[in-house]
Amino acid sequence: MQLERPPTLCATTNDNTRHDLLCEINPAALNACLERTKRLQQEDAELRKRDALLLEQFVRWAYNAASRGLTVEFLNRALPPTNRTGNATSGRRFQ
């Protein structure tokens, strides 16, 4: 009993010569790949747009900071610690 080659093999041997053949393509797998490619291209375009907007915002902030005399050292200062307990002397949060 001789087993047949699976249809997904892309090469076969005839007379000691290798012939490349087109693989049988599963339409469902092809559609899944095309959808994934389309989704990834859309995601890439969205990320590139977001990156450009963030860069534009950074340039605007840098210009505004420099025009007001803020130094790089001042801008790079650490944030103050977070007060998670609130104001211990007063029960009111807003005055």
PDB file of N, CA and C in Angstrom:
ATOM      1  N   MET A   1       0.849  -1.179   0.000  1.00  0.00           N
ATOM      2  CA  MET A   1       0.000   0.000   0.000  1.00  0.00           C
ATOM      3  C   MET A   1       0.888   1.234   0.000  1.00  0.00           C
ATOM      4  N   GLN A   2       0.674   2.117  -0.941  1.00  0.00           N
ATOM      5  CA  GLN A   2       1.485   3.322  -1.058  1.00  0.00           C
ATOM      6  C   GLN A   2       0.661   4.517  -0.593  1.00  0.00           C
ATOM      7  N   LEU A   3       1.277   5.333   0.284  1.00  0.00           N
ATOM      8  CA  LEU A   3       0.591   6.517   0.791  1.00  0.00           C
ATOM      9  C   LEU A   3       0.757   7.665  -0.196  1.00  0.00           C
ATOM     10  N   GLU A   4      -0.266   8.449  -0.332  1.00  0.00           N
ATOM     11  CA  GLU A   4      -0.192   9.613  -1.210  1.00  0.00           C
ATOM     12  C   GLU A   4       0.466  10.762  -0.463  1.00  0.00           C
ATOM     13  N   ARG A   5       1.121  11.635  -1.223  1.00  0.00           N
ATOM     14  CA  ARG A   5       1.697  12.830  -0.613  1.00  0.00           C
ATOM     15  C   ARG A   5       0.580  13.775  -0.187  1.00  0.00           C
ATOM     16  N   PRO A   6       0.777  14.414   0.925  1.00  0.00           N
ATOM     17  CA  PRO A   6      -0.218  15.407   1.325  1.00  0.00           C
ATOM     18  C   PRO A   6      -0.250  16.548   0.302  1.00  0.00           C
ATOM     19  N   PRO A   7      -1.388  17.144   0.063  1.00  0.00           N
ATOM     20  CA  PRO A   7      -1.476  18.200  -0.942  1.00  0.00           C
ATOM     21  C   PRO A   7      -0.756  19.475  -0.556  1.00  0.00           C
ATOM     22  N   THR A   8      -0.294  19.595   0.702  1.00  0.00           N
ATOM     23  CA  THR A   8       0.374  20.816   1.121  1.00  0.00           C
ATOM     24  C   THR A   8       1.856  20.821   0.793  1.00  0.00           C
ATOM     25  N   LEU A   9       2.405  19.708   0.312  1.00  0.00           N
ATOM     26  CA  LEU A   9       3.818  19.686  -0.047  1.00  0.00           C
ATOM     27  C   LEU A   9       4.039  20.548  -1.280  1.00  0.00           C
ATOM     28  N   CYS A  10       5.117  21.319  -1.283  1.00  0.00           N
ATOM     29  CA  CYS A  10       5.357  22.270  -2.361  1.00  0.00           C
ATOM     30  C   CYS A  10       6.368  21.759  -3.374  1.00  0.00           C
ATOM     31  N   ALA A  11       6.986  20.647  -3.132  1.00  0.00           N
ATOM     32  CA  ALA A  11       8.000  20.154  -4.069  1.00  0.00           C
ATOM     33  C   ALA A  11       7.804  18.662  -4.263  1.00  0.00           C
ATOM     34  N   THR A  12       8.155  18.207  -5.439  1.00  0.00           N
ATOM     35  CA  THR A  12       8.087  16.778  -5.731  1.00  0.00           C
ATOM     36  C   THR A  12       9.309  16.412  -6.554  1.00  0.00           C
ATOM     37  N   THR A  13       9.641  15.148  -6.590  1.00  0.00           N
ATOM     38  CA  THR A  13      10.826  14.703  -7.319  1.00  0.00           C
ATOM     39  C   THR A  13      10.403  13.822  -8.476  1.00  0.00           C
ATOM     40  N   ASN A  14      10.826  14.175  -9.677  1.00  0.00           N
ATOM     41  CA  ASN A  14      10.597  13.376 -10.879  1.00  0.00           C
ATOM     42  C   ASN A  14      11.933  13.226 -11.590  1.00  0.00           C
ATOM     43  N   ASP A  15      12.329  12.006 -11.872  1.00  0.00           N
ATOM     44  CA  ASP A  15      13.579  11.739 -12.599  1.00  0.00           C
ATOM     45  C   ASP A  15      14.770  12.446 -11.960  1.00  0.00           C
ATOM     46  N   ASN A  16      14.872  12.375 -10.643  1.00  0.00           N
ATOM     47  CA  ASN A  16      15.969  12.979  -9.894  1.00  0.00           C
ATOM     48  C   ASN A  16      16.075  14.489 -10.098  1.00  0.00           C
ATOM     49  N   THR A  17      15.026  15.119 -10.544  1.00  0.00           N
ATOM     50  CA  THR A  17      15.005  16.572 -10.724  1.00  0.00           C
ATOM     51  C   THR A  17      13.921  17.140  -9.823  1.00  0.00           C
ATOM     52  N   ARG A  18      14.253  18.186  -9.153  1.00  0.00           N
ATOM     53  CA  ARG A  18      13.278  18.792  -8.243  1.00  0.00           C
ATOM     54  C   ARG A  18      12.450  19.816  -9.018  1.00  0.00           C
ATOM     55  N   HIS A  19      11.155  19.686  -8.941  1.00  0.00           N
ATOM     56  CA  HIS A  19      10.231  20.623  -9.578  1.00  0.00           C
ATOM     57  C   HIS A  19       9.394  21.272  -8.477  1.00  0.00           C
ATOM     58  N   ASP A  20       9.439  22.568  -8.426  1.00  0.00           N
ATOM     59  CA  ASP A  20       8.601  23.271  -7.452  1.00  0.00           C
ATOM     60  C   ASP A  20       7.211  23.447  -8.029  1.00  0.00           C
ATOM     61  N   LEU A  21       6.245  23.064  -7.279  1.00  0.00           N
ATOM     62  CA  LEU A  21       4.851  23.186  -7.682  1.00  0.00           C
ATOM     63  C   LEU A  21       4.147  24.142  -6.742  1.00  0.00           C
ATOM     64  N   LEU A  22       3.089  24.710  -7.214  1.00  0.00           N
ATOM     65  CA  LEU A  22       2.287  25.559  -6.346  1.00  0.00           C
ATOM     66  C   LEU A  22       1.592  24.701  -5.307  1.00  0.00           C
ATOM     67  N   CYS A  23       1.591  25.182  -4.097  1.00  0.00           N
ATOM     68  CA  CYS A  23       0.888  24.471  -3.026  1.00  0.00           C
ATOM     69  C   CYS A  23      -0.606  24.677  -3.206  1.00  0.00           C
ATOM     70  N   GLU A  24      -1.347  23.713  -2.780  1.00  0.00           N
ATOM     71  CA  GLU A  24      -2.785  23.925  -2.713  1.00  0.00           C
ATOM     72  C   GLU A  24      -3.041  24.884  -1.564  1.00  0.00           C
ATOM     73  N   ILE A  25      -3.826  25.895  -1.824  1.00  0.00           N
ATOM     74  CA  ILE A  25      -4.062  26.928  -0.831  1.00  0.00           C
ATOM     75  C   ILE A  25      -5.437  26.723  -0.215  1.00  0.00           C
ATOM     76  N   ASN A  26      -5.455  26.696   1.088  1.00  0.00           N
ATOM     77  CA  ASN A  26      -6.697  26.582   1.836  1.00  0.00           C
ATOM     78  C   ASN A  26      -7.350  27.968   1.846  1.00  0.00           C
ATOM     79  N   PRO A  27      -8.527  28.134   1.238  1.00  0.00           N
ATOM     80  CA  PRO A  27      -9.155  29.458   1.170  1.00  0.00           C
ATOM     81  C   PRO A  27      -9.418  30.078   2.543  1.00  0.00           C
ATOM     82  N   ALA A  28      -9.778  29.273   3.515  1.00  0.00           N
ATOM     83  CA  ALA A  28     -10.036  29.813   4.850  1.00  0.00           C
ATOM     84  C   ALA A  28      -8.752  30.358   5.468  1.00  0.00           C
ATOM     85  N   ALA A  29      -7.658  29.629   5.298  1.00  0.00           N
ATOM     86  CA  ALA A  29      -6.380  30.088   5.838  1.00  0.00           C
ATOM     87  C   ALA A  29      -5.914  31.343   5.112  1.00  0.00           C
ATOM     88  N   LEU A  30      -6.109  31.382   3.804  1.00  0.00           N
ATOM     89  CA  LEU A  30      -5.723  32.557   3.027  1.00  0.00           C
ATOM     90  C   LEU A  30      -6.533  33.769   3.466  1.00  0.00           C
ATOM     91  N   ASN A  31      -7.837  33.597   3.637  1.00  0.00           N
ATOM     92  CA  ASN A  31      -8.679  34.706   4.096  1.00  0.00           C
ATOM     93  C   ASN A  31      -8.269  35.174   5.482  1.00  0.00           C
ATOM     94  N   ALA A  32      -7.922  34.238   6.358  1.00  0.00           N
ATOM     95  CA  ALA A  32      -7.477  34.604   7.703  1.00  0.00           C
ATOM     96  C   ALA A  32      -6.186  35.409   7.638  1.00  0.00           C
ATOM     97  N   CYS A  33      -5.268  34.998   6.779  1.00  0.00           N
ATOM     98  CA  CYS A  33      -4.005  35.728   6.622  1.00  0.00           C
ATOM     99  C   CYS A  33      -4.244  37.123   6.053  1.00  0.00           C
ATOM    100  N   LEU A  34      -5.132  37.224   5.076  1.00  0.00           N
ATOM    101  CA  LEU A  34      -5.435  38.526   4.486  1.00  0.00           C
ATOM    102  C   LEU A  34      -6.093  39.459   5.495  1.00  0.00           C
ATOM    103  N   GLU A  35      -7.007  38.937   6.299  1.00  0.00           N
ATOM    104  CA  GLU A  35      -7.659  39.749   7.332  1.00  0.00           C
ATOM    105  C   GLU A  35      -6.649  40.215   8.374  1.00  0.00           C
ATOM    106  N   ARG A  36      -5.761  39.303   8.774  1.00  0.00           N
ATOM    107  CA  ARG A  36      -4.742  39.662   9.772  1.00  0.00           C
ATOM    108  C   ARG A  36      -3.813  40.728   9.214  1.00  0.00           C
ATOM    109  N   THR A  37      -3.414  40.574   7.955  1.00  0.00           N
ATOM    110  CA  THR A  37      -2.544  41.561   7.319  1.00  0.00           C
ATOM    111  C   THR A  37      -3.231  42.917   7.259  1.00  0.00           C
ATOM    112  N   LYS A  38      -4.500  42.921   6.879  1.00  0.00           N
ATOM    113  CA  LYS A  38      -5.259  44.170   6.801  1.00  0.00           C
ATOM    114  C   LYS A  38      -5.355  44.828   8.173  1.00  0.00           C
ATOM    115  N   ARG A  39      -5.649  44.018   9.209  1.00  0.00           N
ATOM    116  CA  ARG A  39      -5.759  44.549  10.569  1.00  0.00           C
ATOM    117  C   ARG A  39      -4.430  45.116  11.053  1.00  0.00           C
ATOM    118  N   LEU A  40      -3.341  44.410  10.771  1.00  0.00           N
ATOM    119  CA  LEU A  40      -2.026  44.882  11.200  1.00  0.00           C
ATOM    120  C   LEU A  40      -1.621  46.152  10.461  1.00  0.00           C
ATOM    121  N   GLN A  41      -1.984  46.268   9.191  1.00  0.00           N
ATOM    122  CA  GLN A  41      -1.687  47.484   8.439  1.00  0.00           C
ATOM    123  C   GLN A  41      -2.468  48.668   9.000  1.00  0.00           C
ATOM    124  N   GLN A  42      -3.728  48.447   9.372  1.00  0.00           N
ATOM    125  CA  GLN A  42      -4.526  49.510   9.979  1.00  0.00           C
ATOM    126  C   GLN A  42      -3.943  49.920  11.327  1.00  0.00           C
ATOM    127  N   GLU A  43      -3.544  48.930  12.112  1.00  0.00           N
ATOM    128  CA  GLU A  43      -2.948  49.218  13.419  1.00  0.00           C
ATOM    129  C   GLU A  43      -1.646  49.989  13.255  1.00  0.00           C
ATOM    130  N   ASP A  44      -0.838  49.609  12.279  1.00  0.00           N
ATOM    131  CA  ASP A  44       0.415  50.303  12.007  1.00  0.00           C
ATOM    132  C   ASP A  44       0.151  51.755  11.627  1.00  0.00           C
ATOM    133  N   ALA A  45      -0.832  51.991  10.761  1.00  0.00           N
ATOM    134  CA  ALA A  45      -1.163  53.356  10.342  1.00  0.00           C
ATOM    135  C   ALA A  45      -1.639  54.188  11.536  1.00  0.00           C
ATOM    136  N   GLU A  46      -2.463  53.592  12.402  1.00  0.00           N
ATOM    137  CA  GLU A  46      -2.947  54.300  13.584  1.00  0.00           C
ATOM    138  C   GLU A  46      -1.800  54.638  14.532  1.00  0.00           C
ATOM    139  N   LEU A  47      -0.883  53.705  14.732  1.00  0.00           N
ATOM    140  CA  LEU A  47       0.255  53.952  15.623  1.00  0.00           C
ATOM    141  C   LEU A  47       1.185  55.016  15.056  1.00  0.00           C
ATOM    142  N   ARG A  48       1.389  55.014  13.740  1.00  0.00           N
ATOM    143  CA  ARG A  48       2.221  56.047  13.123  1.00  0.00           C
ATOM    144  C   ARG A  48       1.581  57.425  13.276  1.00  0.00           C
ATOM    145  N   LYS A  49       0.263  57.503  13.110  1.00  0.00           N
ATOM    146  CA  LYS A  49      -0.443  58.772  13.274  1.00  0.00           C
ATOM    147  C   LYS A  49      -0.347  59.244  14.723  1.00  0.00           C
ATOM    148  N   ARG A  50      -0.552  58.316  15.667  1.00  0.00           N
ATOM    149  CA  ARG A  50      -0.465  58.665  17.087  1.00  0.00           C
ATOM    150  C   ARG A  50       0.941  59.135  17.447  1.00  0.00           C
ATOM    151  N   ASP A  51       1.954  58.460  16.912  1.00  0.00           N
ATOM    152  CA  ASP A  51       3.340  58.842  17.157  1.00  0.00           C
ATOM    153  C   ASP A  51       3.604  60.257  16.649  1.00  0.00           C
ATOM    154  N   ALA A  52       3.104  60.574  15.455  1.00  0.00           N
ATOM    155  CA  ALA A  52       3.296  61.912  14.890  1.00  0.00           C
ATOM    156  C   ALA A  52       2.606  62.967  15.750  1.00  0.00           C
ATOM    157  N   LEU A  53       1.402  62.669  16.243  1.00  0.00           N
ATOM    158  CA  LEU A  53       0.687  63.619  17.095  1.00  0.00           C
ATOM    159  C   LEU A  53       1.409  63.833  18.422  1.00  0.00           C
ATOM    160  N   LEU A  54       1.947  62.760  18.999  1.00  0.00           N
ATOM    161  CA  LEU A  54       2.692  62.897  20.255  1.00  0.00           C
ATOM    162  C   LEU A  54       3.973  63.697  20.056  1.00  0.00           C
ATOM    163  N   LEU A  55       4.650  63.488  18.933  1.00  0.00           N
ATOM    164  CA  LEU A  55       5.857  64.261  18.645  1.00  0.00           C
ATOM    165  C   LEU A  55       5.508  65.734  18.480  1.00  0.00           C
ATOM    166  N   GLU A  56       4.412  66.020  17.782  1.00  0.00           N
ATOM    167  CA  GLU A  56       3.968  67.404  17.608  1.00  0.00           C
ATOM    168  C   GLU A  56       3.653  68.039  18.961  1.00  0.00           C
ATOM    169  N   GLN A  57       2.982  67.288  19.840  1.00  0.00           N
ATOM    170  CA  GLN A  57       2.662  67.792  21.172  1.00  0.00           C
ATOM    171  C   GLN A  57       3.936  68.055  21.974  1.00  0.00           C
ATOM    172  N   PHE A  58       4.908  67.164  21.888  1.00  0.00           N
ATOM    173  CA  PHE A  58       6.163  67.357  22.608  1.00  0.00           C
ATOM    174  C   PHE A  58       6.870  68.620  22.134  1.00  0.00           C
ATOM    175  N   VAL A  59       6.921  68.841  20.823  1.00  0.00           N
ATOM    176  CA  VAL A  59       7.576  70.037  20.286  1.00  0.00           C
ATOM    177  C   VAL A  59       6.864  71.288  20.797  1.00  0.00           C
ATOM    178  N   ARG A  60       5.534  71.264  20.825  1.00  0.00           N
ATOM    179  CA  ARG A  60       4.756  72.400  21.327  1.00  0.00           C
ATOM    180  C   ARG A  60       5.076  72.653  22.800  1.00  0.00           C
ATOM    181  N   TRP A  61       5.108  71.581  23.608  1.00  0.00           N
ATOM    182  CA  TRP A  61       5.424  71.736  25.025  1.00  0.00           C
ATOM    183  C   TRP A  61       6.852  72.250  25.218  1.00  0.00           C
ATOM    184  N   ALA A  62       7.798  71.727  24.455  1.00  0.00           N
ATOM    185  CA  ALA A  62       9.190  72.168  24.581  1.00  0.00           C
ATOM    186  C   ALA A  62       9.312  73.648  24.239  1.00  0.00           C
ATOM    187  N   TYR A  63       8.630  74.079  23.182  1.00  0.00           N
ATOM    188  CA  TYR A  63       8.665  75.496  22.802  1.00  0.00           C
ATOM    189  C   TYR A  63       8.065  76.360  23.906  1.00  0.00           C
ATOM    190  N   ASN A  64       6.891  75.974  24.398  1.00  0.00           N
ATOM    191  CA  ASN A  64       6.231  76.759  25.443  1.00  0.00           C
ATOM    192  C   ASN A  64       7.063  76.794  26.722  1.00  0.00           C
ATOM    193  N   ALA A  65       7.692  75.692  27.075  1.00  0.00           N
ATOM    194  CA  ALA A  65       8.535  75.661  28.274  1.00  0.00           C
ATOM    195  C   ALA A  65       9.742  76.572  28.101  1.00  0.00           C
ATOM    196  N   ALA A  66      10.382  76.515  26.941  1.00  0.00           N
ATOM    197  CA  ALA A  66      11.561  77.348  26.699  1.00  0.00           C
ATOM    198  C   ALA A  66      11.181  78.823  26.642  1.00  0.00           C
ATOM    199  N   SER A  67      10.029  79.151  26.076  1.00  0.00           N
ATOM    200  CA  SER A  67       9.619  80.556  25.967  1.00  0.00           C
ATOM    201  C   SER A  67       9.267  81.148  27.327  1.00  0.00           C
ATOM    202  N   ARG A  68       9.002  80.319  28.310  1.00  0.00           N
ATOM    203  CA  ARG A  68       8.706  80.795  29.660  1.00  0.00           C
ATOM    204  C   ARG A  68       9.916  80.677  30.589  1.00  0.00           C
ATOM    205  N   GLY A  69      11.053  80.353  30.025  1.00  0.00           N
ATOM    206  CA  GLY A  69      12.284  80.315  30.803  1.00  0.00           C
ATOM    207  C   GLY A  69      12.474  79.057  31.634  1.00  0.00           C
ATOM    208  N   LEU A  70      11.706  78.016  31.370  1.00  0.00           N
ATOM    209  CA  LEU A  70      11.884  76.774  32.120  1.00  0.00           C
ATOM    210  C   LEU A  70      13.101  76.032  31.574  1.00  0.00           C
ATOM    211  N   THR A  71      13.950  75.579  32.476  1.00  0.00           N
ATOM    212  CA  THR A  71      15.162  74.878  32.059  1.00  0.00           C
ATOM    213  C   THR A  71      14.903  73.380  31.954  1.00  0.00           C
ATOM    214  N   VAL A  72      15.814  72.697  31.281  1.00  0.00           N
ATOM    215  CA  VAL A  72      15.723  71.242  31.163  1.00  0.00           C
ATOM    216  C   VAL A  72      15.834  70.606  32.544  1.00  0.00           C
ATOM    217  N   GLU A  73      16.691  71.166  33.395  1.00  0.00           N
ATOM    218  CA  GLU A  73      16.844  70.630  34.747  1.00  0.00           C
ATOM    219  C   GLU A  73      15.531  70.729  35.521  1.00  0.00           C
ATOM    220  N   PHE A  74      14.847  71.866  35.385  1.00  0.00           N
ATOM    221  CA  PHE A  74      13.562  72.032  36.067  1.00  0.00           C
ATOM    222  C   PHE A  74      12.533  71.036  35.531  1.00  0.00           C
ATOM    223  N   LEU A  75      12.491  70.879  34.223  1.00  0.00           N
ATOM    224  CA  LEU A  75      11.516  69.976  33.613  1.00  0.00           C
ATOM    225  C   LEU A  75      11.791  68.514  33.951  1.00  0.00           C
ATOM    226  N   ASN A  76      13.046  68.167  34.233  1.00  0.00           N
ATOM    227  CA  ASN A  76      13.412  66.783  34.532  1.00  0.00           C
ATOM    228  C   ASN A  76      13.360  66.455  36.023  1.00  0.00           C
ATOM    229  N   ARG A  77      12.903  67.396  36.847  1.00  0.00           N
ATOM    230  CA  ARG A  77      12.800  67.107  38.284  1.00  0.00           C
ATOM    231  C   ARG A  77      11.820  65.976  38.526  1.00  0.00           C
ATOM    232  N   ALA A  78      12.076  65.219  39.589  1.00  0.00           N
ATOM    233  CA  ALA A  78      11.186  64.109  39.955  1.00  0.00           C
ATOM    234  C   ALA A  78       9.838  64.655  40.417  1.00  0.00           C
ATOM    235  N   LEU A  79       8.816  63.862  40.231  1.00  0.00           N
ATOM    236  CA  LEU A  79       7.495  64.243  40.708  1.00  0.00           C
ATOM    237  C   LEU A  79       7.461  64.157  42.226  1.00  0.00           C
ATOM    238  N   PRO A  80       6.652  64.998  42.871  1.00  0.00           N
ATOM    239  CA  PRO A  80       6.545  64.891  44.331  1.00  0.00           C
ATOM    240  C   PRO A  80       5.847  63.585  44.698  1.00  0.00           C
ATOM    241  N   PRO A  81       6.095  63.083  45.915  1.00  0.00           N
ATOM    242  CA  PRO A  81       5.445  61.834  46.315  1.00  0.00           C
ATOM    243  C   PRO A  81       3.924  62.017  46.380  1.00  0.00           C
ATOM    244  N   THR A  82       3.217  60.941  46.134  1.00  0.00           N
ATOM    245  CA  THR A  82       1.761  60.975  46.157  1.00  0.00           C
ATOM    246  C   THR A  82       1.263  60.910  47.589  1.00  0.00           C
ATOM    247  N   ASN A  83       0.332  61.795  47.925  1.00  0.00           N
ATOM    248  CA  ASN A  83      -0.275  61.801  49.251  1.00  0.00           C
ATOM    249  C   ASN A  83      -1.541  60.964  49.175  1.00  0.00           C
ATOM    250  N   ARG A  84      -1.453  59.717  49.580  1.00  0.00           N
ATOM    251  CA  ARG A  84      -2.594  58.814  49.475  1.00  0.00           C
ATOM    252  C   ARG A  84      -3.491  58.851  50.720  1.00  0.00           C
ATOM    253  N   THR A  85      -3.040  59.496  51.776  1.00  0.00           N
ATOM    254  CA  THR A  85      -3.844  59.534  52.997  1.00  0.00           C
ATOM    255  C   THR A  85      -4.744  60.757  53.036  1.00  0.00           C
ATOM    256  N   GLY A  86      -4.516  61.713  52.201  1.00  0.00           N
ATOM    257  CA  GLY A  86      -5.317  62.929  52.209  1.00  0.00           C
ATOM    258  C   GLY A  86      -4.814  63.873  53.282  1.00  0.00           C
ATOM    259  N   ASN A  87      -5.551  64.914  53.528  1.00  0.00           N
ATOM    260  CA  ASN A  87      -5.178  65.894  54.535  1.00  0.00           C
ATOM    261  C   ASN A  87      -5.625  65.386  55.900  1.00  0.00           C
ATOM    262  N   ALA A  88      -4.681  65.083  56.766  1.00  0.00           N
ATOM    263  CA  ALA A  88      -4.992  64.482  58.064  1.00  0.00           C
ATOM    264  C   ALA A  88      -5.606  65.493  59.025  1.00  0.00           C
ATOM    265  N   THR A  89      -5.391  66.802  58.840  1.00  0.00           N
ATOM    266  CA  THR A  89      -5.890  67.795  59.787  1.00  0.00           C
ATOM    267  C   THR A  89      -7.309  68.236  59.483  1.00  0.00           C
ATOM    268  N   SER A  90      -7.764  68.037  58.276  1.00  0.00           N
ATOM    269  CA  SER A  90      -9.100  68.492  57.910  1.00  0.00           C
ATOM    270  C   SER A  90      -9.838  67.365  57.204  1.00  0.00           C
ATOM    271  N   GLY A  91     -11.125  67.249  57.486  1.00  0.00           N
ATOM    272  CA  GLY A  91     -11.932  66.236  56.828  1.00  0.00           C
ATOM    273  C   GLY A  91     -12.367  66.657  55.433  1.00  0.00           C
ATOM    274  N   ARG A  92     -12.220  67.954  55.131  1.00  0.00           N
ATOM    275  CA  ARG A  92     -12.626  68.458  53.827  1.00  0.00           C
ATOM    276  C   ARG A  92     -11.510  68.273  52.819  1.00  0.00           C
ATOM    277  N   ARG A  93     -11.861  67.871  51.621  1.00  0.00           N
ATOM    278  CA  ARG A  93     -10.858  67.671  50.569  1.00  0.00           C
ATOM    279  C   ARG A  93     -10.648  68.945  49.769  1.00  0.00           C
ATOM    280  N   PHE A  94     -11.705  69.752  49.597  1.00  0.00           N
ATOM    281  CA  PHE A  94     -11.606  70.960  48.779  1.00  0.00           C
ATOM    282  C   PHE A  94     -11.922  72.170  49.641  1.00  0.00           C
ATOM    283  N   GLN A  95     -11.223  73.235  49.386  1.00  0.00           N
ATOM    284  CA  GLN A  95     -11.460  74.467  50.156  1.00  0.00           C
ATOM    285  C   GLN A  95     -11.856  75.582  49.237  1.00  0.00           C
TER     286      GLN A  95
END
